[in-house]
Amino acid sequence: MNDPPALAIRGGSEPLRDGRAAYVYTWPRDDSLPPGTWTPRLRERFVGRELPESPEELAADSRWPGFFPSPICLVTCSDGSNTVLERVVGPSIVNRFPYVLALSVCRRPLSERHYVRQSFAEALERTGVAAAQLLPPGRSLDRALEAIDRHPDSASSGRIAAAGLPTRTTGPGAPAVLSDAYLVYEGRLLGHGQERSETGADNPSWVDVGSHRVYFLEIHRIELRQDIAVADSQVHWRSLPSWRPAREDEPVRSDRGKLPEGRYLKSYSADYRFPSTTTVGFEHDDVRDGMAVRHLPTGVAAEAQVELDNDRARWPCFFPSSVGMISTWAGDGTPNLMPCGSTTVVSRQPMVIAPSISYRTINERYAARHTFEILERTGRFTCGVPFLDEDLIEAMTYAGNVSLTDNPTKVTDAGLAFEPEEWAPLLARLPVSYECEVVGTQPLGTHAMIFGEVRRVLVRSDVTRDNPLEWCPWPDVAPTPG
C-alpha cells in the first residue's frame, strides 16, 4: 500500500505525512474577502468586517465570516430504537472537575448549511447519554461523513447503515459507537433528569447561545485503542494552523528569561503526540474489544474528584482542542494576554466565541486566572488566532505561565507587538482576530465558559488566497517511531 501524499504545510515544523493531508482546509477562499464587505483598517495593515450580518447576507452564505481552527468529531446517541449519528464542529473540554465536554448543535434554521439538528437534540435530551468519537482519516471516516451529508436530519438514524460501518456497544443504556473509532468519550448530560431552573444555571444540561444549543456532557467513560494505550501507536495532532506572514512587524525586545522559578510550568507543543515522554500515560481500568477503558467518577461532588498533583490533574486522555489568544485591557490600561487551550465557536448567529477559563484554584496548573476577573469587570476581549511559528509558540508558552499580577509587562516581555485598539489590545502578528463582547458566563465547577459575541473580525492584509491559512481538523494515528 502506498503512503498517502505528504503536504508541505506553510511554516510548519514538519509536513503532514499521514492521512490528514487530504483533509486540509484553506482560508481564505476565492470569495472570502469581497471588497465592500471588508474595509481597510490600521494603515491598511488589516481589513475589518462588522458583525452581525443581515438575515439576507446570512441566508446567502452562512459560512463563518472569518477563520477559526476547530476540531471535528462524530457523535452517536440513541433515539430509543436506533442510533443517531451526527458530526459536531468545535467540541471542547470545558471543565476539569468534573470532566466536561461541550458540544454545540444548531437549533435555529439559518441556511442549507446550518439546519436544525432536531433528531439528534431530541434523542440526546431524552436519554441524556452520548458518545463523541474520533476516527483516523481514511475510508471509514469518509463513509461516515458522506452518509451525514447525504441523509438529512430526519433520516439521521439511518446514517450508520447507509455508511455500512460496523458498530459495537459499551454497555447497557450506552449508545452504539463506531467500531473503527480509536478514541471514544462517553458522557451523560450534566443534571439530566433533574428539574431545571429557567436559566438552566443550576443544572446546566445545556444552555442556548444564539442559533445553537450547547450541551454539557460529564464524561464517565473513555476508551482508547489498546495499541495507543500501550504506546505502540501515537495520536498525532497539530493544534495550530499553518501560515507564513508576508511582512515583518517591528520587532519587540523579548525578555522571556523572567519565567517564575521553583513553580510548576505548563509546556505547549503545537505538534502534539499522545502518548509521549512529555504526557501522562493513559491509566486504564480494563481492556474490552481491543480498547483500553477508563472509568471516571460521576454523580459525586466535584471536590471528591479533584487531583491536587499538577501532573495527575492533567486531562486523563487526549482530546483535540483549539487555542485562542485572549487579550484584554486591565483596569489601568495595561495590556493583558492569556493563551486559552479550550476556546471554541458555539454559535453562528450571532457568532459567539467561548473560551473556558479557570475561576477556582485547585493547584498550580489549575488556578484562578486574573483574566477571568478582568472579563467580569470589562465585558470585552479580543480572541486572536495563533499559527505555527517558533517565536510565537515561545511567546504563548511564556504568556501562559506568567500572570499579569506578577509581571505587568508580560505581553511585551513575551515579544509580542500590539495595536492599542480601544476594544482590546490587537496582537499584530496574528492573522485573524475577533473583537468580542461578553454576553454570558456559564460556571461549570473549576472553569467557566465565557460567551463572547463577535462585533468585528480583523484580518491581516497579507492573509490572501495566495497566502492562506491551512488547517486540518482531524488528528491521526501512526506507529510510534522505534
Protein backbone atom coordinates (compact mmCIF):
# COMPACT_ATOMS: atom_id res chain seq x y z
CA MET A 1 0.00 0.00 0.00
CA ASN A 2 1.41 3.40 -0.98
CA ASP A 3 1.92 6.06 1.64
CA PRO A 4 -0.50 8.99 1.46
CA PRO A 5 0.94 12.12 -0.16
CA ALA A 6 2.88 14.49 2.05
CA LEU A 7 1.73 18.10 2.30
CA ALA A 8 4.37 20.75 2.92
CA ILE A 9 2.40 22.99 5.25
CA ARG A 10 3.45 26.64 5.18
CA GLY A 11 5.51 27.48 8.23
CA GLY A 12 5.00 24.04 9.73
CA SER A 13 7.69 22.31 11.74
CA GLU A 14 7.23 19.24 9.54
CA PRO A 15 4.97 18.23 6.63
CA LEU A 16 1.82 16.25 7.23
CA ARG A 17 2.98 12.80 6.08
CA ASP A 18 -0.07 10.89 7.22
CA GLY A 19 -3.69 10.59 6.23
CA ARG A 20 -4.50 14.16 7.24
CA ALA A 21 -3.08 15.70 4.05
CA ALA A 22 -6.28 15.14 2.06
CA TYR A 23 -8.37 16.82 4.80
CA VAL A 24 -6.61 20.18 4.92
CA TYR A 25 -8.85 23.25 4.86
CA THR A 26 -7.55 26.57 3.48
CA TRP A 27 -8.81 30.10 4.15
CA PRO A 28 -9.48 32.50 2.54
CA ARG A 29 -11.28 31.02 -0.41
CA ASP A 30 -11.81 32.95 -3.64
CA ASP A 31 -14.89 34.72 -2.28
CA SER A 32 -13.97 35.05 1.40
CA LEU A 33 -12.89 38.70 1.48
CA PRO A 34 -15.06 40.53 -1.10
CA PRO A 35 -14.47 44.30 -1.43
CA GLY A 36 -17.21 46.37 0.16
CA THR A 37 -17.82 43.83 2.91
CA TRP A 38 -14.29 44.22 4.26
CA THR A 39 -12.75 47.68 4.72
CA PRO A 40 -9.09 48.66 5.26
CA ARG A 41 -8.07 49.45 8.83
CA LEU A 42 -4.96 50.39 10.80
CA ARG A 43 -2.96 51.94 7.96
CA GLU A 44 -4.23 49.22 5.60
CA ARG A 45 -2.35 46.56 7.52
CA PHE A 46 -5.67 44.89 8.33
CA VAL A 47 -9.13 44.60 6.85
CA GLY A 48 -12.20 44.57 9.08
CA ARG A 49 -15.79 43.38 8.93
CA GLU A 50 -18.59 44.35 11.28
CA LEU A 51 -20.92 41.69 12.72
CA PRO A 52 -23.63 40.50 12.96
CA GLU A 53 -24.64 40.19 9.30
CA SER A 54 -28.10 40.89 7.98
CA PRO A 55 -30.51 37.93 7.61
CA GLU A 56 -30.16 38.25 3.83
CA GLU A 57 -26.36 38.02 3.97
CA LEU A 58 -26.56 35.04 6.29
CA ALA A 59 -29.06 33.14 4.15
CA ALA A 60 -26.85 33.65 1.10
CA ASP A 61 -23.73 32.35 2.84
CA SER A 62 -23.69 31.13 6.45
CA ARG A 63 -20.05 30.04 6.39
CA TRP A 64 -18.03 31.55 9.19
CA PRO A 65 -17.07 35.13 8.24
CA GLY A 66 -13.51 34.54 9.46
CA PHE A 67 -11.22 31.61 10.09
CA PHE A 68 -11.09 29.80 13.43
CA PRO A 69 -9.35 26.41 13.78
CA SER A 70 -11.93 23.97 15.17
CA PRO A 71 -11.59 20.20 15.55
CA ILE A 72 -14.45 17.94 14.44
CA CYS A 73 -15.78 14.74 15.99
CA LEU A 74 -18.57 12.27 15.31
CA VAL A 75 -21.23 11.78 17.98
CA THR A 76 -23.75 8.99 18.48
CA CYS A 77 -26.77 8.77 20.74
CA SER A 78 -29.87 6.58 20.80
CA ASP A 79 -33.41 7.62 19.90
CA GLY A 80 -34.74 4.60 21.81
CA SER A 81 -34.56 2.09 18.99
CA ASN A 82 -31.92 3.37 16.57
CA THR A 83 -28.53 5.06 16.76
CA VAL A 84 -28.40 8.68 15.60
CA LEU A 85 -25.09 9.79 14.05
CA GLU A 86 -24.06 13.44 13.85
CA ARG A 87 -20.98 15.48 13.06
CA VAL A 88 -20.11 18.22 15.59
CA VAL A 89 -17.73 21.09 14.83
CA GLY A 90 -15.75 22.57 17.70
CA PRO A 91 -16.17 20.01 20.51
CA SER A 92 -14.24 21.24 23.53
CA ILE A 93 -13.24 20.14 27.02
CA VAL A 94 -14.61 22.99 29.13
CA ASN A 95 -14.16 21.88 32.74
CA ARG A 96 -11.71 19.66 34.59
CA PHE A 97 -13.50 18.66 37.81
CA PRO A 98 -15.92 17.26 36.83
CA TYR A 99 -14.56 16.42 33.38
CA VAL A 100 -16.96 18.06 30.93
CA LEU A 101 -17.16 18.04 27.14
CA ALA A 102 -19.23 20.72 25.37
CA LEU A 103 -21.00 20.04 22.07
CA SER A 104 -22.64 22.87 20.12
CA VAL A 105 -25.60 21.94 17.87
CA CYS A 106 -27.67 24.18 15.58
CA ARG A 107 -31.19 24.80 16.91
CA ARG A 108 -32.39 27.52 14.53
CA PRO A 109 -32.56 27.29 10.72
CA LEU A 110 -30.11 29.69 9.09
CA SER A 111 -29.34 28.17 5.69
CA GLU A 112 -28.87 24.82 3.94
CA ARG A 113 -25.51 24.60 5.72
CA HIS A 114 -26.81 25.48 9.18
CA TYR A 115 -30.03 23.49 9.68
CA VAL A 116 -31.71 22.34 12.89
CA ARG A 117 -30.29 19.07 14.30
CA GLN A 118 -33.70 18.14 15.65
CA SER A 119 -33.38 14.34 15.68
CA PHE A 120 -30.02 14.46 17.45
CA ALA A 121 -31.24 17.01 20.01
CA GLU A 122 -34.40 15.07 20.82
CA ALA A 123 -32.51 11.80 21.22
CA LEU A 124 -29.83 13.31 23.44
CA GLU A 125 -32.28 15.19 25.63
CA ARG A 126 -34.44 12.10 26.08
CA THR A 127 -31.71 9.61 27.01
CA GLY A 128 -29.08 12.03 28.33
CA VAL A 129 -26.17 9.91 27.03
CA ALA A 130 -23.90 10.42 24.03
CA ALA A 131 -20.55 9.21 22.76
CA ALA A 132 -18.08 11.50 21.00
CA GLN A 133 -15.60 9.58 18.86
CA LEU A 134 -12.61 10.12 16.62
CA LEU A 135 -11.83 8.08 13.52
CA PRO A 136 -8.48 8.29 11.75
CA PRO A 137 -8.58 9.97 8.33
CA GLY A 138 -9.36 7.35 5.72
CA ARG A 139 -12.14 5.30 4.16
CA SER A 140 -14.28 4.76 7.28
CA LEU A 141 -14.26 8.44 8.16
CA ASP A 142 -15.07 9.37 4.56
CA ARG A 143 -18.03 6.97 4.51
CA ALA A 144 -19.39 8.36 7.78
CA LEU A 145 -19.09 11.97 6.61
CA GLU A 146 -20.64 11.15 3.24
CA ALA A 147 -23.60 9.45 4.94
CA ILE A 148 -24.15 12.51 7.14
CA ASP A 149 -24.04 14.83 4.12
CA ARG A 150 -26.42 12.71 2.05
CA HIS A 151 -29.03 11.93 4.71
CA PRO A 152 -30.95 14.84 6.25
CA ASP A 153 -31.63 15.27 9.93
CA SER A 154 -34.93 13.43 9.64
CA ALA A 155 -33.03 10.35 8.41
CA SER A 156 -30.07 10.65 10.80
CA SER A 157 -30.91 7.31 12.41
CA GLY A 158 -30.19 5.65 9.06
CA ARG A 159 -26.77 7.18 8.51
CA ILE A 160 -24.71 4.39 10.04
CA ALA A 161 -26.49 1.74 7.97
CA ALA A 162 -26.02 3.84 4.83
CA ALA A 163 -22.31 4.16 5.57
CA GLY A 164 -22.03 0.39 6.06
CA LEU A 165 -19.85 0.82 9.13
CA PRO A 166 -19.72 -1.76 11.97
CA THR A 167 -20.72 -0.69 15.47
CA ARG A 168 -20.43 -2.06 18.99
CA THR A 169 -21.91 -1.22 22.38
CA THR A 170 -20.04 -0.32 25.53
CA GLY A 171 -22.71 -1.45 28.00
CA PRO A 172 -26.41 -1.27 28.96
CA GLY A 173 -28.00 2.09 28.17
CA ALA A 174 -24.99 3.28 26.17
CA PRO A 175 -25.32 4.31 22.52
CA ALA A 176 -23.64 2.22 19.84
CA VAL A 177 -20.23 3.52 18.78
CA LEU A 178 -18.35 3.08 15.52
CA SER A 179 -16.01 0.10 15.74
CA ASP A 180 -13.32 1.93 13.76
CA ALA A 181 -13.09 4.77 16.32
CA TYR A 182 -9.73 4.87 18.05
CA LEU A 183 -10.99 7.16 20.83
CA VAL A 184 -14.43 7.32 22.45
CA TYR A 185 -15.62 9.80 25.10
CA GLU A 186 -18.92 8.66 26.62
CA GLY A 187 -20.82 11.00 28.89
CA ARG A 188 -24.11 11.97 30.49
CA LEU A 189 -25.72 15.38 30.36
CA LEU A 190 -24.97 17.35 33.50
CA GLY A 191 -28.02 17.32 35.74
CA HIS A 192 -30.01 15.17 33.31
CA GLY A 193 -33.40 14.23 34.77
CA GLN A 194 -33.24 16.90 37.45
CA GLU A 195 -35.59 19.83 37.48
CA ARG A 196 -34.06 22.71 35.56
CA SER A 197 -34.25 26.33 36.57
CA GLU A 198 -35.50 28.82 34.00
CA THR A 199 -31.94 29.80 33.14
CA GLY A 200 -30.53 26.29 33.34
CA ALA A 201 -27.74 27.61 35.58
CA ASP A 202 -28.37 25.22 38.48
CA ASN A 203 -28.28 22.02 36.42
CA PRO A 204 -26.68 23.04 33.15
CA SER A 205 -27.52 20.10 30.87
CA TRP A 206 -27.38 22.69 28.14
CA VAL A 207 -27.52 26.42 27.50
CA ASP A 208 -28.92 28.20 24.46
CA VAL A 209 -26.49 30.60 22.83
CA GLY A 210 -27.75 32.38 19.73
CA SER A 211 -28.50 29.96 16.90
CA HIS A 212 -27.05 26.96 18.74
CA ARG A 213 -27.61 24.87 21.86
CA VAL A 214 -24.50 23.95 23.86
CA TYR A 215 -24.74 20.57 25.59
CA PHE A 216 -22.56 19.70 28.59
CA LEU A 217 -21.55 16.04 28.86
CA GLU A 218 -19.95 14.84 32.08
CA ILE A 219 -17.53 12.17 30.87
CA HIS A 220 -17.81 8.86 32.71
CA ARG A 221 -16.00 6.52 30.33
CA ILE A 222 -13.03 6.90 27.98
CA GLU A 223 -11.96 4.24 25.51
CA LEU A 224 -8.62 4.36 23.72
CA ARG A 225 -7.41 1.82 21.20
CA GLN A 226 -5.16 -0.61 23.02
CA ASP A 227 -2.12 -0.16 20.78
CA ILE A 228 -2.22 3.57 21.57
CA ALA A 229 -2.73 2.98 25.28
CA VAL A 230 0.44 0.85 25.44
CA ALA A 231 2.37 3.36 23.27
CA ASP A 232 2.81 1.10 20.23
CA SER A 233 1.00 3.84 18.30
CA GLN A 234 0.58 7.58 18.83
CA VAL A 235 -2.13 10.11 18.17
CA HIS A 236 -0.76 12.97 16.04
CA TRP A 237 -2.44 16.35 16.47
CA ARG A 238 -1.36 19.69 15.02
CA SER A 239 -3.18 22.22 17.17
CA LEU A 240 -2.30 25.34 15.18
CA PRO A 241 -2.94 26.30 11.56
CA SER A 242 -0.03 26.95 9.22
CA TRP A 243 0.63 30.33 7.66
CA ARG A 244 3.59 32.47 6.66
CA PRO A 245 3.48 36.27 7.17
CA ALA A 246 4.34 38.18 4.01
CA ARG A 247 5.54 41.18 6.01
CA GLU A 248 7.56 41.51 9.18
CA ASP A 249 6.29 43.58 12.06
CA GLU A 250 8.56 45.87 14.02
CA PRO A 251 10.49 43.61 16.42
CA VAL A 252 9.83 43.98 20.11
CA ARG A 253 12.51 43.27 22.68
CA SER A 254 11.77 39.97 24.35
CA ASP A 255 12.63 39.19 27.96
CA ARG A 256 11.39 35.64 28.35
CA GLY A 257 14.02 34.92 30.95
CA LYS A 258 11.63 36.13 33.63
CA LEU A 259 9.74 32.86 33.90
CA PRO A 260 8.97 32.16 37.57
CA GLU A 261 11.43 29.86 39.30
CA GLY A 262 10.58 26.99 41.61
CA ARG A 263 6.98 26.51 40.45
CA TYR A 264 5.11 24.30 38.02
CA LEU A 265 5.42 25.42 34.39
CA LYS A 266 2.99 24.37 31.67
CA SER A 267 4.56 23.40 28.37
CA TYR A 268 2.98 23.77 24.96
CA SER A 269 3.61 21.90 21.74
CA ALA A 270 1.71 22.52 18.51
CA ASP A 271 2.79 19.17 17.03
CA TYR A 272 1.35 17.02 19.79
CA ARG A 273 1.92 13.30 20.25
CA PHE A 274 -0.05 11.12 22.67
CA PRO A 275 1.27 9.22 24.49
CA SER A 276 4.83 10.51 24.63
CA THR A 277 7.57 11.21 27.14
CA THR A 278 6.01 14.63 27.85
CA THR A 279 2.47 13.39 28.51
CA VAL A 280 0.85 11.38 31.26
CA GLY A 281 0.11 7.81 30.13
CA PHE A 282 -3.44 6.53 29.80
CA GLU A 283 -4.26 4.85 33.12
CA HIS A 284 -6.95 2.36 32.12
CA ASP A 285 -9.00 0.04 34.30
CA ASP A 286 -9.55 -2.82 31.86
CA VAL A 287 -9.45 -3.85 28.20
CA ARG A 288 -12.50 -4.72 26.12
CA ASP A 289 -12.89 -5.30 22.37
CA GLY A 290 -9.34 -4.09 21.74
CA MET A 291 -9.98 -0.85 23.64
CA ALA A 292 -8.37 0.24 26.91
CA VAL A 293 -11.13 1.54 29.16
CA ARG A 294 -11.01 4.12 31.92
CA HIS A 295 -13.96 4.90 34.17
CA LEU A 296 -14.29 8.38 35.63
CA PRO A 297 -16.31 9.15 38.76
CA THR A 298 -19.67 10.80 38.14
CA GLY A 299 -22.59 11.78 40.29
CA VAL A 300 -20.33 12.78 43.17
CA ALA A 301 -19.27 16.21 44.36
CA ALA A 302 -16.57 17.84 42.27
CA GLU A 303 -14.43 18.16 45.41
CA ALA A 304 -14.23 14.36 45.64
CA GLN A 305 -12.84 14.18 42.10
CA VAL A 306 -10.08 16.76 42.44
CA GLU A 307 -6.47 15.69 41.89
CA LEU A 308 -4.14 18.10 43.66
CA ASP A 309 -0.98 16.79 41.98
CA ASN A 310 -0.23 19.02 38.96
CA ASP A 311 0.60 16.16 36.61
CA ARG A 312 -2.21 13.83 37.66
CA ALA A 313 -4.65 16.73 37.33
CA ARG A 314 -3.95 16.95 33.60
CA TRP A 315 -6.59 15.69 31.20
CA PRO A 316 -6.81 11.89 31.64
CA CYS A 317 -6.57 11.33 27.89
CA PHE A 318 -6.00 13.19 24.66
CA PHE A 319 -8.78 15.28 23.14
CA PRO A 320 -8.17 17.78 20.31
CA SER A 321 -8.59 21.42 21.27
CA SER A 322 -8.07 24.87 19.77
CA VAL A 323 -6.09 27.75 21.20
CA GLY A 324 -7.39 31.29 21.38
CA MET A 325 -5.20 34.26 22.31
CA ILE A 326 -7.45 36.17 24.72
CA SER A 327 -6.34 39.80 25.06
CA THR A 328 -7.88 42.42 27.35
CA TRP A 329 -7.16 45.80 28.84
CA ALA A 330 -6.57 45.74 32.58
CA GLY A 331 -8.16 48.47 34.65
CA ASP A 332 -5.14 50.78 34.38
CA GLY A 333 -4.80 50.41 30.61
CA THR A 334 -2.20 47.65 30.85
CA PRO A 335 -2.37 45.06 28.03
CA ASN A 336 -3.12 41.53 29.18
CA LEU A 337 -2.90 38.22 27.32
CA MET A 338 -3.98 34.68 28.18
CA PRO A 339 -3.50 31.82 25.69
CA CYS A 340 -6.57 29.63 26.26
CA GLY A 341 -6.36 26.00 25.17
CA SER A 342 -10.13 25.45 25.38
CA THR A 343 -11.57 28.03 23.02
CA THR A 344 -14.31 27.26 20.54
CA VAL A 345 -17.09 28.77 18.42
CA VAL A 346 -20.51 27.93 19.91
CA SER A 347 -22.95 29.94 17.77
CA ARG A 348 -23.13 31.16 14.19
CA GLN A 349 -25.80 33.87 14.50
CA PRO A 350 -24.69 35.87 16.26
CA MET A 351 -21.18 34.45 16.03
CA VAL A 352 -20.09 33.64 19.57
CA ILE A 353 -16.60 32.58 20.64
CA ALA A 354 -16.29 30.87 24.02
CA PRO A 355 -13.01 30.45 25.92
CA SER A 356 -13.18 28.30 29.06
CA ILE A 357 -11.23 29.96 31.87
CA SER A 358 -10.37 28.72 35.34
CA TYR A 359 -12.06 30.70 38.12
CA ARG A 360 -11.23 28.36 41.02
CA THR A 361 -7.78 27.44 42.31
CA ILE A 362 -7.07 23.70 42.52
CA ASN A 363 -3.27 23.67 42.19
CA GLU A 364 -0.58 25.49 40.21
CA ARG A 365 -1.83 24.02 36.93
CA TYR A 366 -5.45 24.97 37.54
CA ALA A 367 -5.53 28.29 39.35
CA ALA A 368 -8.00 31.16 39.23
CA ARG A 369 -6.97 33.37 36.32
CA HIS A 370 -6.71 37.13 36.61
CA THR A 371 -8.14 37.33 33.08
CA PHE A 372 -11.44 35.98 34.42
CA GLU A 373 -11.67 38.91 36.84
CA ILE A 374 -10.86 41.37 34.05
CA LEU A 375 -13.58 39.93 31.79
CA GLU A 376 -16.14 40.13 34.59
CA ARG A 377 -15.25 43.80 35.04
CA THR A 378 -14.82 45.00 31.46
CA GLY A 379 -17.00 42.62 29.41
CA ARG A 380 -14.68 42.85 26.41
CA PHE A 381 -11.92 40.78 24.87
CA THR A 382 -10.24 40.07 21.56
CA CYS A 383 -9.65 36.45 20.54
CA GLY A 384 -6.69 36.07 18.18
CA VAL A 385 -5.82 33.02 16.10
CA PRO A 386 -2.19 31.90 16.55
CA PHE A 387 -0.33 29.91 13.90
CA LEU A 388 2.68 27.61 13.56
CA ASP A 389 5.66 29.82 14.28
CA GLU A 390 8.53 29.05 16.65
CA ASP A 391 8.79 32.54 18.14
CA LEU A 392 5.02 32.78 18.58
CA ILE A 393 4.86 29.40 20.32
CA GLU A 394 7.64 30.55 22.68
CA ALA A 395 5.66 33.70 23.40
CA MET A 396 2.50 31.68 24.05
CA THR A 397 4.36 29.42 26.49
CA TYR A 398 5.72 32.47 28.32
CA ALA A 399 2.35 34.25 28.48
CA GLY A 400 0.62 31.08 29.67
CA ASN A 401 2.98 30.71 32.64
CA VAL A 402 3.19 34.34 33.77
CA SER A 403 0.32 36.20 35.42
CA LEU A 404 -0.27 39.89 34.88
CA THR A 405 -0.38 40.26 38.66
CA ASP A 406 3.29 39.15 38.79
CA ASN A 407 4.51 40.93 35.65
CA PRO A 408 2.54 43.92 34.26
CA THR A 409 4.74 43.90 31.13
CA LYS A 410 4.15 40.24 30.26
CA VAL A 411 2.87 40.99 26.72
CA THR A 412 5.94 42.94 25.61
CA ASP A 413 8.25 40.67 27.58
CA ALA A 414 6.82 37.80 25.57
CA GLY A 415 7.99 39.62 22.44
CA LEU A 416 4.53 40.46 21.09
CA ALA A 417 3.74 43.79 19.45
CA PHE A 418 0.18 45.05 19.74
CA GLU A 419 -2.03 47.75 18.30
CA PRO A 420 -3.67 49.82 21.08
CA GLU A 421 -7.22 49.28 19.80
CA GLU A 422 -9.91 50.73 22.06
CA TRP A 423 -11.73 47.38 22.34
CA ALA A 424 -8.72 45.34 23.46
CA PRO A 425 -5.03 45.05 22.53
CA LEU A 426 -4.75 43.69 18.98
CA LEU A 427 -1.78 41.35 18.62
CA ALA A 428 -0.22 42.50 15.36
CA ARG A 429 1.38 39.18 14.42
CA LEU A 430 -1.82 37.12 14.48
CA PRO A 431 -3.53 36.60 11.12
CA VAL A 432 -7.16 36.73 12.35
CA SER A 433 -8.69 38.37 15.42
CA TYR A 434 -12.23 38.67 16.77
CA GLU A 435 -13.40 41.57 18.94
CA CYS A 436 -15.96 40.10 21.35
CA GLU A 437 -18.46 41.42 23.89
CA VAL A 438 -19.23 39.17 26.86
CA VAL A 439 -22.94 38.27 26.71
CA GLY A 440 -22.98 35.43 29.24
CA THR A 441 -20.99 33.17 31.55
CA GLN A 442 -21.59 29.54 32.46
CA PRO A 443 -19.70 28.29 35.56
CA LEU A 444 -19.15 24.53 35.48
CA GLY A 445 -17.10 23.76 38.60
CA THR A 446 -13.48 24.69 38.04
CA HIS A 447 -13.85 26.58 34.76
CA ALA A 448 -16.44 28.87 33.23
CA MET A 449 -17.38 29.27 29.59
CA ILE A 450 -17.26 32.94 28.63
CA PHE A 451 -19.64 33.67 25.75
CA GLY A 452 -18.23 36.46 23.60
CA GLU A 453 -20.42 37.80 20.80
CA VAL A 454 -18.23 38.86 17.87
CA ARG A 455 -18.63 42.54 16.99
CA ARG A 456 -15.82 42.81 14.46
CA VAL A 457 -13.46 40.48 12.59
CA LEU A 458 -9.96 41.77 11.78
CA VAL A 459 -7.72 40.02 9.25
CA ARG A 460 -4.15 40.91 8.32
CA SER A 461 -3.89 42.20 4.77
CA ASP A 462 -1.24 39.59 3.93
CA VAL A 463 -3.75 36.78 4.54
CA THR A 464 -4.77 36.19 0.93
CA ARG A 465 -5.92 33.45 -1.42
CA ASP A 466 -2.29 33.04 -2.48
CA ASN A 467 -1.08 33.06 1.13
CA PRO A 468 -3.85 31.26 3.05
CA LEU A 469 -4.10 29.69 6.46
CA GLU A 470 -4.06 25.90 6.27
CA TRP A 471 -5.71 23.69 8.85
CA CYS A 472 -6.58 20.04 9.42
CA PRO A 473 -9.41 19.39 11.92
CA TRP A 474 -8.72 15.64 12.27
CA PRO A 475 -5.97 14.03 14.36
CA ASP A 476 -4.42 10.85 13.02
CA VAL A 477 -2.79 7.71 14.42
CA ALA A 478 0.60 6.34 13.36
CA PRO A 479 3.05 3.74 14.72
CA THR A 480 5.34 5.07 17.43
CA PRO A 481 8.84 5.56 16.00
CA GLY A 482 11.17 2.80 17.11
